[in-house]
Amino acid sequence: MCCLFMHDPRLGIKLPVLKRDWELLETSTQSRILAQWEAIRGQIPERIAAIERNIEHKQAQLDTEENFDICCRLNEEIAERASIINDLWIWYRTHPDVSKT
């Protein structure tokens, strides 16, 4: 197999891991990989929405929290989740094409 889809625990989705350069793969193999990727890619908006809900919950906690250390931890968790959303949008916008040979 020239491509595996491995679960990324940070992003919560499977990402492609190519064992050869994309351009060196047969077009039929590229098509199969793209079909799998499109199914995974379709889950990204739902994943982003779930993370956004989690951020909103943490922001609500932050609004009422008086302990400075807990506020710092909440801000750190919010920033990490925002970073995950950014990375997910990058993957969502990834549209590889079948190479023409």
N, C-alpha and C. Protein backbone atom coordinates (compact mmCIF):
# COMPACT_ATOMS: atom_id res chain seq x y z
N MET A 1 0.85 -1.20 0.00
CA MET A 1 0.00 0.00 0.00
C MET A 1 0.89 1.24 0.00
N CYS A 2 0.56 2.20 -0.84
CA CYS A 2 1.39 3.40 -0.98
C CYS A 2 0.89 4.56 -0.13
N CYS A 3 -0.28 4.40 0.48
CA CYS A 3 -0.85 5.46 1.31
C CYS A 3 -1.66 4.85 2.44
N LEU A 4 -1.39 5.34 3.60
CA LEU A 4 -2.18 4.96 4.76
C LEU A 4 -2.88 6.21 5.27
N PHE A 5 -3.97 6.01 5.94
CA PHE A 5 -4.62 7.12 6.63
C PHE A 5 -4.48 6.82 8.12
N MET A 6 -3.67 7.64 8.77
CA MET A 6 -3.38 7.43 10.19
C MET A 6 -4.14 8.46 11.02
N HIS A 7 -4.71 8.00 12.13
CA HIS A 7 -5.44 8.89 13.03
C HIS A 7 -4.47 9.87 13.69
N ASP A 8 -4.79 11.14 13.59
CA ASP A 8 -4.03 12.18 14.27
C ASP A 8 -4.78 12.53 15.55
N PRO A 9 -4.21 12.17 16.71
CA PRO A 9 -4.95 12.39 17.96
C PRO A 9 -5.20 13.87 18.26
N ARG A 10 -4.33 14.75 17.83
CA ARG A 10 -4.51 16.18 18.08
C ARG A 10 -5.68 16.72 17.27
N LEU A 11 -5.73 16.37 15.99
CA LEU A 11 -6.78 16.90 15.12
C LEU A 11 -8.07 16.10 15.20
N GLY A 12 -7.97 14.84 15.60
CA GLY A 12 -9.16 14.01 15.73
C GLY A 12 -9.67 13.47 14.41
N ILE A 13 -8.82 13.46 13.38
CA ILE A 13 -9.19 12.90 12.08
C ILE A 13 -8.02 12.06 11.57
N LYS A 14 -8.30 11.28 10.52
CA LYS A 14 -7.23 10.53 9.87
C LYS A 14 -6.60 11.41 8.81
N LEU A 15 -5.26 11.34 8.73
CA LEU A 15 -4.52 12.11 7.73
C LEU A 15 -3.77 11.16 6.81
N PRO A 16 -3.60 11.56 5.55
CA PRO A 16 -2.87 10.70 4.62
C PRO A 16 -1.38 10.68 4.91
N VAL A 17 -0.80 9.49 4.79
CA VAL A 17 0.64 9.32 4.91
C VAL A 17 1.08 8.60 3.63
N LEU A 18 1.69 9.35 2.74
CA LEU A 18 2.14 8.78 1.46
C LEU A 18 3.50 8.14 1.63
N LYS A 19 3.67 6.98 1.02
CA LYS A 19 4.96 6.28 1.07
C LYS A 19 5.78 6.58 -0.18
N ARG A 20 5.14 7.20 -1.17
CA ARG A 20 5.82 7.61 -2.40
C ARG A 20 5.30 8.99 -2.78
N ASP A 21 6.05 9.68 -3.63
CA ASP A 21 5.59 10.98 -4.10
C ASP A 21 4.27 10.83 -4.85
N TRP A 22 3.39 11.80 -4.67
CA TRP A 22 2.07 11.79 -5.27
C TRP A 22 2.15 11.60 -6.79
N GLU A 23 3.05 12.32 -7.42
CA GLU A 23 3.17 12.28 -8.88
C GLU A 23 3.60 10.90 -9.39
N LEU A 24 4.22 10.08 -8.55
CA LEU A 24 4.69 8.76 -8.95
C LEU A 24 3.62 7.68 -8.83
N LEU A 25 2.50 8.01 -8.22
CA LEU A 25 1.42 7.04 -8.05
C LEU A 25 0.60 6.93 -9.32
N GLU A 26 0.08 5.75 -9.58
CA GLU A 26 -0.81 5.56 -10.73
C GLU A 26 -2.07 6.39 -10.52
N THR A 27 -2.68 6.81 -11.61
CA THR A 27 -3.88 7.65 -11.49
C THR A 27 -5.02 6.90 -10.79
N SER A 28 -5.10 5.59 -10.99
CA SER A 28 -6.16 4.83 -10.31
C SER A 28 -5.93 4.83 -8.79
N THR A 29 -4.67 4.74 -8.39
CA THR A 29 -4.34 4.79 -6.96
C THR A 29 -4.63 6.17 -6.40
N GLN A 30 -4.25 7.20 -7.15
CA GLN A 30 -4.55 8.57 -6.72
C GLN A 30 -6.06 8.76 -6.55
N SER A 31 -6.83 8.22 -7.46
CA SER A 31 -8.30 8.35 -7.38
C SER A 31 -8.85 7.67 -6.14
N ARG A 32 -8.34 6.48 -5.82
CA ARG A 32 -8.80 5.77 -4.61
C ARG A 32 -8.44 6.57 -3.35
N ILE A 33 -7.23 7.11 -3.32
CA ILE A 33 -6.79 7.91 -2.17
C ILE A 33 -7.67 9.15 -2.04
N LEU A 34 -7.94 9.81 -3.16
CA LEU A 34 -8.78 11.02 -3.14
C LEU A 34 -10.19 10.72 -2.66
N ALA A 35 -10.72 9.57 -3.04
CA ALA A 35 -12.06 9.19 -2.58
C ALA A 35 -12.08 9.02 -1.07
N GLN A 36 -11.06 8.36 -0.54
CA GLN A 36 -10.97 8.20 0.92
C GLN A 36 -10.82 9.56 1.58
N TRP A 37 -9.95 10.41 1.01
CA TRP A 37 -9.71 11.72 1.60
C TRP A 37 -10.98 12.57 1.62
N GLU A 38 -11.77 12.52 0.56
CA GLU A 38 -13.00 13.31 0.50
C GLU A 38 -13.97 12.89 1.60
N ALA A 39 -14.02 11.60 1.90
CA ALA A 39 -14.90 11.13 2.98
C ALA A 39 -14.42 11.68 4.32
N ILE A 40 -13.12 11.66 4.52
CA ILE A 40 -12.55 12.19 5.77
C ILE A 40 -12.73 13.70 5.81
N ARG A 41 -12.42 14.35 4.71
CA ARG A 41 -12.51 15.82 4.62
C ARG A 41 -13.93 16.30 4.93
N GLY A 42 -14.92 15.53 4.55
CA GLY A 42 -16.30 15.90 4.81
C GLY A 42 -16.65 15.94 6.29
N GLN A 43 -15.84 15.30 7.12
CA GLN A 43 -16.08 15.29 8.57
C GLN A 43 -15.46 16.51 9.27
N ILE A 44 -14.58 17.22 8.57
CA ILE A 44 -13.84 18.31 9.21
C ILE A 44 -14.75 19.44 9.72
N PRO A 45 -15.73 19.94 8.95
CA PRO A 45 -16.58 21.01 9.50
C PRO A 45 -17.29 20.61 10.80
N GLU A 46 -17.74 19.37 10.88
CA GLU A 46 -18.39 18.90 12.11
C GLU A 46 -17.38 18.88 13.27
N ARG A 47 -16.17 18.45 12.99
CA ARG A 47 -15.11 18.42 14.01
C ARG A 47 -14.81 19.84 14.49
N ILE A 48 -14.73 20.79 13.56
CA ILE A 48 -14.48 22.19 13.91
C ILE A 48 -15.61 22.73 14.77
N ALA A 49 -16.83 22.44 14.42
CA ALA A 49 -17.98 22.92 15.20
C ALA A 49 -17.94 22.39 16.62
N ALA A 50 -17.54 21.13 16.80
CA ALA A 50 -17.45 20.56 18.14
C ALA A 50 -16.36 21.27 18.96
N ILE A 51 -15.25 21.56 18.32
CA ILE A 51 -14.17 22.27 19.03
C ILE A 51 -14.60 23.68 19.37
N GLU A 52 -15.32 24.33 18.46
CA GLU A 52 -15.81 25.69 18.73
C GLU A 52 -16.75 25.69 19.93
N ARG A 53 -17.60 24.68 20.03
CA ARG A 53 -18.50 24.58 21.20
C ARG A 53 -17.68 24.42 22.48
N ASN A 54 -16.61 23.65 22.41
CA ASN A 54 -15.74 23.46 23.56
C ASN A 54 -15.07 24.77 23.95
N ILE A 55 -14.63 25.54 22.95
CA ILE A 55 -14.02 26.85 23.22
C ILE A 55 -15.03 27.77 23.89
N GLU A 56 -16.26 27.79 23.39
CA GLU A 56 -17.29 28.64 23.98
C GLU A 56 -17.53 28.27 25.44
N HIS A 57 -17.53 26.97 25.73
CA HIS A 57 -17.70 26.51 27.11
C HIS A 57 -16.54 27.01 27.98
N LYS A 58 -15.33 26.90 27.49
CA LYS A 58 -14.16 27.35 28.25
C LYS A 58 -14.17 28.87 28.42
N GLN A 59 -14.64 29.60 27.41
CA GLN A 59 -14.74 31.05 27.53
C GLN A 59 -15.77 31.44 28.58
N ALA A 60 -16.85 30.69 28.66
CA ALA A 60 -17.86 30.95 29.69
C ALA A 60 -17.26 30.69 31.08
N GLN A 61 -16.47 29.63 31.20
CA GLN A 61 -15.79 29.36 32.47
C GLN A 61 -14.85 30.51 32.81
N LEU A 62 -14.14 30.97 31.80
CA LEU A 62 -13.17 32.05 32.00
C LEU A 62 -13.84 33.34 32.47
N ASP A 63 -15.05 33.58 31.99
CA ASP A 63 -15.79 34.80 32.36
C ASP A 63 -16.07 34.88 33.86
N THR A 64 -16.21 33.73 34.50
CA THR A 64 -16.57 33.74 35.91
C THR A 64 -15.42 33.30 36.82
N GLU A 65 -14.32 32.89 36.23
CA GLU A 65 -13.20 32.38 37.03
C GLU A 65 -12.41 33.52 37.65
N GLU A 66 -12.09 33.37 38.94
CA GLU A 66 -11.33 34.40 39.66
C GLU A 66 -9.91 33.97 39.96
N ASN A 67 -9.64 32.68 39.88
CA ASN A 67 -8.31 32.16 40.17
C ASN A 67 -7.41 32.39 38.95
N PHE A 68 -6.32 33.15 39.17
CA PHE A 68 -5.43 33.52 38.06
C PHE A 68 -4.83 32.30 37.38
N ASP A 69 -4.38 31.32 38.15
CA ASP A 69 -3.77 30.12 37.57
C ASP A 69 -4.76 29.35 36.69
N ILE A 70 -5.99 29.27 37.14
CA ILE A 70 -7.01 28.58 36.35
C ILE A 70 -7.33 29.38 35.08
N CYS A 71 -7.36 30.70 35.19
CA CYS A 71 -7.58 31.55 34.01
C CYS A 71 -6.47 31.33 32.98
N CYS A 72 -5.24 31.24 33.45
CA CYS A 72 -4.11 31.00 32.54
C CYS A 72 -4.26 29.64 31.85
N ARG A 73 -4.65 28.62 32.61
CA ARG A 73 -4.83 27.30 32.04
C ARG A 73 -5.95 27.30 31.01
N LEU A 74 -7.06 27.96 31.33
CA LEU A 74 -8.18 28.04 30.39
C LEU A 74 -7.78 28.76 29.10
N ASN A 75 -7.05 29.86 29.24
CA ASN A 75 -6.57 30.59 28.06
C ASN A 75 -5.65 29.72 27.21
N GLU A 76 -4.81 28.95 27.85
CA GLU A 76 -3.91 28.04 27.14
C GLU A 76 -4.71 26.97 26.38
N GLU A 77 -5.72 26.42 27.04
CA GLU A 77 -6.56 25.40 26.40
C GLU A 77 -7.34 25.99 25.23
N ILE A 78 -7.83 27.22 25.37
CA ILE A 78 -8.55 27.89 24.29
C ILE A 78 -7.61 28.12 23.11
N ALA A 79 -6.40 28.59 23.39
CA ALA A 79 -5.42 28.84 22.32
C ALA A 79 -5.07 27.55 21.59
N GLU A 80 -4.90 26.45 22.32
CA GLU A 80 -4.58 25.18 21.68
C GLU A 80 -5.72 24.72 20.78
N ARG A 81 -6.94 24.86 21.24
CA ARG A 81 -8.09 24.45 20.43
C ARG A 81 -8.25 25.33 19.19
N ALA A 82 -7.96 26.62 19.35
CA ALA A 82 -7.99 27.52 18.19
C ALA A 82 -6.93 27.13 17.17
N SER A 83 -5.77 26.70 17.65
CA SER A 83 -4.71 26.22 16.77
C SER A 83 -5.15 24.96 16.02
N ILE A 84 -5.84 24.08 16.70
CA ILE A 84 -6.35 22.86 16.06
C ILE A 84 -7.35 23.23 14.96
N ILE A 85 -8.24 24.18 15.25
CA ILE A 85 -9.21 24.62 14.25
C ILE A 85 -8.48 25.18 13.02
N ASN A 86 -7.45 25.98 13.25
CA ASN A 86 -6.68 26.53 12.14
C ASN A 86 -6.08 25.41 11.29
N ASP A 87 -5.48 24.42 11.93
CA ASP A 87 -4.89 23.29 11.20
C ASP A 87 -5.95 22.49 10.45
N LEU A 88 -7.10 22.31 11.07
CA LEU A 88 -8.19 21.59 10.38
C LEU A 88 -8.66 22.34 9.14
N TRP A 89 -8.74 23.66 9.22
CA TRP A 89 -9.15 24.44 8.03
C TRP A 89 -8.11 24.30 6.93
N ILE A 90 -6.83 24.25 7.30
CA ILE A 90 -5.78 24.05 6.29
C ILE A 90 -5.99 22.71 5.60
N TRP A 91 -6.21 21.66 6.37
CA TRP A 91 -6.46 20.34 5.77
C TRP A 91 -7.75 20.35 4.95
N TYR A 92 -8.75 21.04 5.41
CA TYR A 92 -10.03 21.09 4.69
C TYR A 92 -9.85 21.72 3.31
N ARG A 93 -8.99 22.73 3.23
CA ARG A 93 -8.77 23.42 1.95
C ARG A 93 -7.79 22.68 1.03
N THR A 94 -7.25 21.55 1.50
CA THR A 94 -6.33 20.76 0.69
C THR A 94 -7.12 19.97 -0.34
N HIS A 95 -6.90 20.27 -1.60
CA HIS A 95 -7.62 19.62 -2.71
C HIS A 95 -6.61 19.05 -3.70
N PRO A 96 -6.02 17.91 -3.41
CA PRO A 96 -5.11 17.34 -4.41
C PRO A 96 -5.89 16.88 -5.63
N ASP A 97 -5.22 16.89 -6.76
CA ASP A 97 -5.83 16.43 -8.01
C ASP A 97 -5.12 15.19 -8.50
N VAL A 98 -5.80 14.45 -9.33
CA VAL A 98 -5.17 13.32 -9.99
C VAL A 98 -4.18 13.89 -10.99
N SER A 99 -2.93 13.40 -10.93
CA SER A 99 -1.89 13.87 -11.85
C SER A 99 -2.16 13.37 -13.25
N LYS A 100 -1.87 14.20 -14.19
CA LYS A 100 -2.01 13.80 -15.60
C LYS A 100 -0.66 13.29 -16.07
N THR A 101 -0.64 12.05 -16.56
CA THR A 101 0.63 11.48 -17.02
C THR A 101 0.65 11.30 -18.52
